[in-house]
Amino acid sequence: RAMLAPALADPDPVLIFENVMLYNRKAAEE
């Protein structure tokens, strides 16, 4: 939820890696 905004704010290229096994994970599990 929070990392995209600082990545977009950065003046240099940012790569974001999203693990496929996390997409269904819920906040309640954390």
PDB file of all heavy atoms in Angstrom:
ATOM      1  N   ARG A   1       0.813  -1.215   0.000  1.00  0.00           N
ATOM      2  CA  ARG A   1       0.000   0.000   0.000  1.00  0.00           C
ATOM      3  C   ARG A   1       0.844   1.260   0.000  1.00  0.00           C
ATOM      4  O   ARG A   1       0.480   2.272  -0.605  1.00  0.00           O
ATOM      5  CB  ARG A   1      -0.893  -0.020   1.257  1.00  0.00           C
ATOM      6  CG  ARG A   1      -1.804   1.183   1.433  1.00  0.00           C
ATOM      7  CD  ARG A   1      -2.960   1.122   0.457  1.00  0.00           C
ATOM      8  NE  ARG A   1      -3.836   2.270   0.616  1.00  0.00           N
ATOM      9  CZ  ARG A   1      -3.607   3.475   0.072  1.00  0.00           C
ATOM     10  NH1 ARG A   1      -2.531   3.660  -0.680  1.00  0.00           N
ATOM     11  NH2 ARG A   1      -4.455   4.465   0.254  1.00  0.00           N
ATOM     12  N   ALA A   2       2.009   1.209   0.683  1.00  0.00           N
ATOM     13  CA  ALA A   2       2.747   2.446   0.970  1.00  0.00           C
ATOM     14  C   ALA A   2       3.979   2.688   0.109  1.00  0.00           C
ATOM     15  O   ALA A   2       4.468   3.814   0.052  1.00  0.00           O
ATOM     16  CB  ALA A   2       3.159   2.463   2.445  1.00  0.00           C
ATOM     17  N   MET A   3       4.505   1.671  -0.554  1.00  0.00           N
ATOM     18  CA  MET A   3       5.808   1.826  -1.207  1.00  0.00           C
ATOM     19  C   MET A   3       5.751   2.464  -2.588  1.00  0.00           C
ATOM     20  O   MET A   3       6.752   2.992  -3.068  1.00  0.00           O
ATOM     21  CB  MET A   3       6.514   0.474  -1.307  1.00  0.00           C
ATOM     22  CG  MET A   3       7.246   0.069  -0.043  1.00  0.00           C
ATOM     23  SD  MET A   3       8.204  -1.436  -0.280  1.00  0.00           S
ATOM     24  CE  MET A   3       9.353  -1.323   1.093  1.00  0.00           C
ATOM     25  N   LEU A   4       4.591   2.421  -3.249  1.00  0.00           N
ATOM     26  CA  LEU A   4       4.524   2.980  -4.600  1.00  0.00           C
ATOM     27  C   LEU A   4       4.744   4.489  -4.597  1.00  0.00           C
ATOM     28  O   LEU A   4       5.433   5.021  -5.477  1.00  0.00           O
ATOM     29  CB  LEU A   4       3.182   2.648  -5.240  1.00  0.00           C
ATOM     30  CG  LEU A   4       2.985   3.163  -6.674  1.00  0.00           C
ATOM     31  CD1 LEU A   4       4.000   2.533  -7.623  1.00  0.00           C
ATOM     32  CD2 LEU A   4       1.565   2.893  -7.166  1.00  0.00           C
ATOM     33  N   ALA A   5       4.182   5.181  -3.624  1.00  0.00           N
ATOM     34  CA  ALA A   5       4.291   6.645  -3.597  1.00  0.00           C
ATOM     35  C   ALA A   5       5.738   7.118  -3.514  1.00  0.00           C
ATOM     36  O   ALA A   5       6.163   7.965  -4.308  1.00  0.00           O
ATOM     37  CB  ALA A   5       3.464   7.221  -2.444  1.00  0.00           C
ATOM     38  N   PRO A   6       6.566   6.607  -2.590  1.00  0.00           N
ATOM     39  CA  PRO A   6       7.971   7.040  -2.578  1.00  0.00           C
ATOM     40  C   PRO A   6       8.740   6.605  -3.819  1.00  0.00           C
ATOM     41  O   PRO A   6       9.680   7.285  -4.243  1.00  0.00           O
ATOM     42  CB  PRO A   6       8.540   6.406  -1.309  1.00  0.00           C
ATOM     43  CG  PRO A   6       7.599   5.328  -0.933  1.00  0.00           C
ATOM     44  CD  PRO A   6       6.256   5.764  -1.420  1.00  0.00           C
ATOM     45  N   ALA A   7       8.351   5.476  -4.409  1.00  0.00           N
ATOM     46  CA  ALA A   7       9.003   5.058  -5.654  1.00  0.00           C
ATOM     47  C   ALA A   7       8.718   6.054  -6.767  1.00  0.00           C
ATOM     48  O   ALA A   7       9.611   6.434  -7.535  1.00  0.00           O
ATOM     49  CB  ALA A   7       8.519   3.665  -6.053  1.00  0.00           C
ATOM     50  N   LEU A   8       7.475   6.519  -6.851  1.00  0.00           N
ATOM     51  CA  LEU A   8       7.115   7.515  -7.861  1.00  0.00           C
ATOM     52  C   LEU A   8       7.763   8.863  -7.577  1.00  0.00           C
ATOM     53  O   LEU A   8       8.055   9.629  -8.501  1.00  0.00           O
ATOM     54  CB  LEU A   8       5.594   7.678  -7.910  1.00  0.00           C
ATOM     55  CG  LEU A   8       4.827   6.565  -8.618  1.00  0.00           C
ATOM     56  CD1 LEU A   8       3.341   6.673  -8.320  1.00  0.00           C
ATOM     57  CD2 LEU A   8       5.079   6.602 -10.119  1.00  0.00           C
ATOM     58  N   ALA A   9       7.972   9.168  -6.317  1.00  0.00           N
ATOM     59  CA  ALA A   9       8.578  10.450  -5.957  1.00  0.00           C
ATOM     60  C   ALA A   9      10.062  10.480  -6.255  1.00  0.00           C
ATOM     61  O   ALA A   9      10.647  11.557  -6.415  1.00  0.00           O
ATOM     62  CB  ALA A   9       8.347  10.732  -4.471  1.00  0.00           C
ATOM     63  N   ASP A  10      10.672   9.312  -6.348  1.00  0.00           N
ATOM     64  CA  ASP A  10      12.121   9.264  -6.514  1.00  0.00           C
ATOM     65  C   ASP A  10      12.527   9.743  -7.905  1.00  0.00           C
ATOM     66  O   ASP A  10      11.889   9.395  -8.894  1.00  0.00           O
ATOM     67  CB  ASP A  10      12.630   7.843  -6.287  1.00  0.00           C
ATOM     68  CG  ASP A  10      14.108   7.811  -5.964  1.00  0.00           C
ATOM     69  OD1 ASP A  10      14.908   7.744  -6.926  1.00  0.00           O
ATOM     70  OD2 ASP A  10      14.462   7.887  -4.787  1.00  0.00           O
ATOM     71  N   PRO A  11      13.590  10.526  -8.015  1.00  0.00           N
ATOM     72  CA  PRO A  11      14.015  11.024  -9.330  1.00  0.00           C
ATOM     73  C   PRO A  11      14.754   9.995 -10.176  1.00  0.00           C
ATOM     74  O   PRO A  11      15.124  10.286 -11.313  1.00  0.00           O
ATOM     75  CB  PRO A  11      14.927  12.202  -8.977  1.00  0.00           C
ATOM     76  CG  PRO A  11      15.405  11.924  -7.599  1.00  0.00           C
ATOM     77  CD  PRO A  11      14.326  11.156  -6.910  1.00  0.00           C
ATOM     78  N   ASP A  12      14.963   8.794  -9.653  1.00  0.00           N
ATOM     79  CA  ASP A  12      15.665   7.741 -10.388  1.00  0.00           C
ATOM     80  C   ASP A  12      14.747   6.544 -10.589  1.00  0.00           C
ATOM     81  O   ASP A  12      13.730   6.403  -9.911  1.00  0.00           O
ATOM     82  CB  ASP A  12      16.926   7.326  -9.611  1.00  0.00           C
ATOM     83  CG  ASP A  12      17.956   8.437  -9.561  1.00  0.00           C
ATOM     84  OD1 ASP A  12      18.344   8.931 -10.632  1.00  0.00           O
ATOM     85  OD2 ASP A  12      18.357   8.830  -8.445  1.00  0.00           O
ATOM     86  N   PRO A  13      15.090   5.649 -11.528  1.00  0.00           N
ATOM     87  CA  PRO A  13      14.241   4.494 -11.796  1.00  0.00           C
ATOM     88  C   PRO A  13      14.182   3.547 -10.610  1.00  0.00           C
ATOM     89  O   PRO A  13      15.201   3.242  -9.984  1.00  0.00           O
ATOM     90  CB  PRO A  13      14.896   3.830 -13.013  1.00  0.00           C
ATOM     91  CG  PRO A  13      16.282   4.365 -13.065  1.00  0.00           C
ATOM     92  CD  PRO A  13      16.244   5.723 -12.452  1.00  0.00           C
ATOM     93  N   VAL A  14      12.973   3.078 -10.303  1.00  0.00           N
ATOM     94  CA  VAL A  14      12.741   2.157  -9.195  1.00  0.00           C
ATOM     95  C   VAL A  14      12.026   0.925  -9.723  1.00  0.00           C
ATOM     96  O   VAL A  14      11.012   1.037 -10.420  1.00  0.00           O
ATOM     97  CB  VAL A  14      11.897   2.815  -8.083  1.00  0.00           C
ATOM     98  CG1 VAL A  14      11.646   1.819  -6.949  1.00  0.00           C
ATOM     99  CG2 VAL A  14      12.586   4.069  -7.549  1.00  0.00           C
ATOM    100  N   LEU A  15      12.546  -0.248  -9.391  1.00  0.00           N
ATOM    101  CA  LEU A  15      11.910  -1.509  -9.746  1.00  0.00           C
ATOM    102  C   LEU A  15      11.237  -2.064  -8.495  1.00  0.00           C
ATOM    103  O   LEU A  15      11.852  -2.119  -7.421  1.00  0.00           O
ATOM    104  CB  LEU A  15      12.934  -2.515 -10.268  1.00  0.00           C
ATOM    105  CG  LEU A  15      13.283  -2.446 -11.759  1.00  0.00           C
ATOM    106  CD1 LEU A  15      13.866  -1.091 -12.132  1.00  0.00           C
ATOM    107  CD2 LEU A  15      14.271  -3.550 -12.132  1.00  0.00           C
ATOM    108  N   ILE A  16       9.979  -2.464  -8.626  1.00  0.00           N
ATOM    109  CA  ILE A  16       9.225  -3.048  -7.516  1.00  0.00           C
ATOM    110  C   ILE A  16       8.931  -4.504  -7.853  1.00  0.00           C
ATOM    111  O   ILE A  16       8.293  -4.797  -8.869  1.00  0.00           O
ATOM    112  CB  ILE A  16       7.917  -2.291  -7.257  1.00  0.00           C
ATOM    113  CG1 ILE A  16       8.210  -0.827  -6.881  1.00  0.00           C
ATOM    114  CG2 ILE A  16       7.127  -2.959  -6.140  1.00  0.00           C
ATOM    115  CD1 ILE A  16       6.962   0.007  -6.640  1.00  0.00           C
ATOM    116  N   PHE A  17       9.402  -5.416  -6.995  1.00  0.00           N
ATOM    117  CA  PHE A  17       9.197  -6.842  -7.201  1.00  0.00           C
ATOM    118  C   PHE A  17       8.097  -7.326  -6.257  1.00  0.00           C
ATOM    119  O   PHE A  17       8.213  -7.201  -5.039  1.00  0.00           O
ATOM    120  CB  PHE A  17      10.491  -7.616  -6.940  1.00  0.00           C
ATOM    121  CG  PHE A  17      11.525  -7.390  -8.004  1.00  0.00           C
ATOM    122  CD1 PHE A  17      12.428  -6.347  -7.911  1.00  0.00           C
ATOM    123  CD2 PHE A  17      11.591  -8.219  -9.112  1.00  0.00           C
ATOM    124  CE1 PHE A  17      13.381  -6.129  -8.891  1.00  0.00           C
ATOM    125  CE2 PHE A  17      12.537  -8.017 -10.105  1.00  0.00           C
ATOM    126  CZ  PHE A  17      13.433  -6.961  -9.993  1.00  0.00           C
ATOM    127  N   GLU A  18       7.036  -7.883  -6.835  1.00  0.00           N
ATOM    128  CA  GLU A  18       5.878  -8.349  -6.083  1.00  0.00           C
ATOM    129  C   GLU A  18       5.824  -9.872  -6.166  1.00  0.00           C
ATOM    130  O   GLU A  18       5.602 -10.431  -7.237  1.00  0.00           O
ATOM    131  CB  GLU A  18       4.603  -7.725  -6.664  1.00  0.00           C
ATOM    132  CG  GLU A  18       4.634  -6.200  -6.676  1.00  0.00           C
ATOM    133  CD  GLU A  18       3.597  -5.595  -7.619  1.00  0.00           C
ATOM    134  OE1 GLU A  18       2.634  -6.324  -7.989  1.00  0.00           O
ATOM    135  OE2 GLU A  18       3.742  -4.424  -7.995  1.00  0.00           O
ATOM    136  N   ASN A  19       6.040 -10.533  -5.040  1.00  0.00           N
ATOM    137  CA  ASN A  19       6.049 -11.988  -5.042  1.00  0.00           C
ATOM    138  C   ASN A  19       4.643 -12.525  -5.312  1.00  0.00           C
ATOM    139  O   ASN A  19       3.673 -12.115  -4.672  1.00  0.00           O
ATOM    140  CB  ASN A  19       6.570 -12.515  -3.708  1.00  0.00           C
ATOM    141  CG  ASN A  19       6.809 -14.009  -3.741  1.00  0.00           C
ATOM    142  OD1 ASN A  19       5.893 -14.794  -3.607  1.00  0.00           O
ATOM    143  ND2 ASN A  19       8.062 -14.394  -3.935  1.00  0.00           N
ATOM    144  N   VAL A  20       4.553 -13.471  -6.243  1.00  0.00           N
ATOM    145  CA  VAL A  20       3.240 -13.959  -6.683  1.00  0.00           C
ATOM    146  C   VAL A  20       2.459 -14.632  -5.566  1.00  0.00           C
ATOM    147  O   VAL A  20       1.227 -14.680  -5.601  1.00  0.00           O
ATOM    148  CB  VAL A  20       3.381 -14.939  -7.867  1.00  0.00           C
ATOM    149  CG1 VAL A  20       3.909 -14.234  -9.100  1.00  0.00           C
ATOM    150  CG2 VAL A  20       4.263 -16.132  -7.501  1.00  0.00           C
ATOM    151  N   MET A  21       3.151 -15.146  -4.565  1.00  0.00           N
ATOM    152  CA  MET A  21       2.469 -15.843  -3.486  1.00  0.00           C
ATOM    153  C   MET A  21       1.874 -14.892  -2.455  1.00  0.00           C
ATOM    154  O   MET A  21       1.217 -15.338  -1.503  1.00  0.00           O
ATOM    155  CB  MET A  21       3.435 -16.820  -2.801  1.00  0.00           C
ATOM    156  CG  MET A  21       3.943 -17.915  -3.730  1.00  0.00           C
ATOM    157  SD  MET A  21       2.614 -18.833  -4.555  1.00  0.00           S
ATOM    158  CE  MET A  21       1.900 -19.683  -3.154  1.00  0.00           C
ATOM    159  N   LEU A  22       2.083 -13.597  -2.625  1.00  0.00           N
ATOM    160  CA  LEU A  22       1.590 -12.628  -1.653  1.00  0.00           C
ATOM    161  C   LEU A  22       0.279 -11.980  -2.065  1.00  0.00           C
ATOM    162  O   LEU A  22      -0.385 -11.356  -1.231  1.00  0.00           O
ATOM    163  CB  LEU A  22       2.639 -11.530  -1.420  1.00  0.00           C
ATOM    164  CG  LEU A  22       3.988 -11.981  -0.862  1.00  0.00           C
ATOM    165  CD1 LEU A  22       4.921 -10.783  -0.724  1.00  0.00           C
ATOM    166  CD2 LEU A  22       3.821 -12.689   0.478  1.00  0.00           C
ATOM    167  N   TYR A  23      -0.126 -12.084  -3.316  1.00  0.00           N
ATOM    168  CA  TYR A  23      -1.257 -11.306  -3.807  1.00  0.00           C
ATOM    169  C   TYR A  23      -2.554 -11.560  -3.021  1.00  0.00           C
ATOM    170  O   TYR A  23      -3.368 -10.662  -2.846  1.00  0.00           O
ATOM    171  CB  TYR A  23      -1.489 -11.563  -5.293  1.00  0.00           C
ATOM    172  CG  TYR A  23      -0.510 -10.843  -6.199  1.00  0.00           C
ATOM    173  CD1 TYR A  23       0.255 -11.540  -7.125  1.00  0.00           C
ATOM    174  CD2 TYR A  23      -0.354  -9.467  -6.131  1.00  0.00           C
ATOM    175  CE1 TYR A  23       1.157 -10.890  -7.965  1.00  0.00           C
ATOM    176  CE2 TYR A  23       0.541  -8.798  -6.960  1.00  0.00           C
ATOM    177  CZ  TYR A  23       1.299  -9.513  -7.867  1.00  0.00           C
ATOM    178  OH  TYR A  23       2.186  -8.867  -8.684  1.00  0.00           O
ATOM    179  N   ASN A  24      -2.751 -12.773  -2.541  1.00  0.00           N
ATOM    180  CA  ASN A  24      -3.986 -13.096  -1.819  1.00  0.00           C
ATOM    181  C   ASN A  24      -3.852 -12.917  -0.304  1.00  0.00           C
ATOM    182  O   ASN A  24      -4.825 -13.126   0.432  1.00  0.00           O
ATOM    183  CB  ASN A  24      -4.419 -14.533  -2.113  1.00  0.00           C
ATOM    184  CG  ASN A  24      -4.885 -14.699  -3.552  1.00  0.00           C
ATOM    185  OD1 ASN A  24      -5.441 -13.776  -4.141  1.00  0.00           O
ATOM    186  ND2 ASN A  24      -4.645 -15.865  -4.120  1.00  0.00           N
ATOM    187  N   ARG A  25      -2.688 -12.547   0.144  1.00  0.00           N
ATOM    188  CA  ARG A  25      -2.461 -12.395   1.577  1.00  0.00           C
ATOM    189  C   ARG A  25      -3.257 -11.198   2.104  1.00  0.00           C
ATOM    190  O   ARG A  25      -3.303 -10.144   1.495  1.00  0.00           O
ATOM    191  CB  ARG A  25      -0.974 -12.202   1.841  1.00  0.00           C
ATOM    192  CG  ARG A  25      -0.626 -12.247   3.309  1.00  0.00           C
ATOM    193  CD  ARG A  25       0.882 -12.181   3.530  1.00  0.00           C
ATOM    194  NE  ARG A  25       1.154 -12.474   4.932  1.00  0.00           N
ATOM    195  CZ  ARG A  25       1.316 -13.697   5.427  1.00  0.00           C
ATOM    196  NH1 ARG A  25       1.275 -14.728   4.616  1.00  0.00           N
ATOM    197  NH2 ARG A  25       1.513 -13.890   6.702  1.00  0.00           N
ATOM    198  N   LYS A  26      -3.864 -11.357   3.287  1.00  0.00           N
ATOM    199  CA  LYS A  26      -4.673 -10.296   3.881  1.00  0.00           C
ATOM    200  C   LYS A  26      -3.924  -9.597   5.003  1.00  0.00           C
ATOM    201  O   LYS A  26      -3.089 -10.188   5.688  1.00  0.00           O
ATOM    202  CB  LYS A  26      -5.984 -10.866   4.413  1.00  0.00           C
ATOM    203  CG  LYS A  26      -6.925 -11.363   3.327  1.00  0.00           C
ATOM    204  CD  LYS A  26      -8.250 -11.824   3.922  1.00  0.00           C
ATOM    205  CE  LYS A  26      -9.212 -12.246   2.816  1.00  0.00           C
ATOM    206  NZ  LYS A  26     -10.526 -12.679   3.365  1.00  0.00           N
ATOM    207  N   ALA A  27      -4.277  -8.338   5.192  1.00  0.00           N
ATOM    208  CA  ALA A  27      -3.647  -7.560   6.250  1.00  0.00           C
ATOM    209  C   ALA A  27      -3.876  -8.193   7.616  1.00  0.00           C
ATOM    210  O   ALA A  27      -3.012  -8.111   8.503  1.00  0.00           O
ATOM    211  CB  ALA A  27      -4.175  -6.125   6.226  1.00  0.00           C
ATOM    212  N   ALA A  28      -5.011  -8.837   7.790  1.00  0.00           N
ATOM    213  CA  ALA A  28      -5.311  -9.463   9.084  1.00  0.00           C
ATOM    214  C   ALA A  28      -4.291 -10.526   9.454  1.00  0.00           C
ATOM    215  O   ALA A  28      -4.033 -10.765  10.644  1.00  0.00           O
ATOM    216  CB  ALA A  28      -6.710 -10.078   9.041  1.00  0.00           C
ATOM    217  N   GLU A  29      -3.684 -11.164   8.449  1.00  0.00           N
ATOM    218  CA  GLU A  29      -2.687 -12.201   8.702  1.00  0.00           C
ATOM    219  C   GLU A  29      -1.382 -11.624   9.231  1.00  0.00           C
ATOM    220  O   GLU A  29      -0.504 -12.382   9.666  1.00  0.00           O
ATOM    221  CB  GLU A  29      -2.420 -12.994   7.428  1.00  0.00           C
ATOM    222  CG  GLU A  29      -3.641 -13.697   6.858  1.00  0.00           C
ATOM    223  CD  GLU A  29      -3.336 -14.362   5.533  1.00  0.00           C
ATOM    224  OE1 GLU A  29      -2.467 -15.256   5.502  1.00  0.00           O
ATOM    225  OE2 GLU A  29      -3.953 -13.980   4.516  1.00  0.00           O
ATOM    226  N   GLU A  30      -1.244 -10.311   9.175  1.00  0.00           N
ATOM    227  CA  GLU A  30       0.000  -9.663   9.589  1.00  0.00           C
ATOM    228  C   GLU A  30      -0.135  -8.966  10.938  1.00  0.00           C
ATOM    229  O   GLU A  30       0.732  -8.194  11.338  1.00  0.00           O
ATOM    230  CB  GLU A  30       0.436  -8.676   8.502  1.00  0.00           C
ATOM    231  CG  GLU A  30       0.658  -9.373   7.164  1.00  0.00           C
ATOM    232  CD  GLU A  30       0.823  -8.417   5.989  1.00  0.00           C
ATOM    233  OE1 GLU A  30       0.850  -7.193   6.226  1.00  0.00           O
ATOM    234  OE2 GLU A  30       0.918  -8.908   4.856  1.00  0.00           O
TER     235      GLU A  30
END
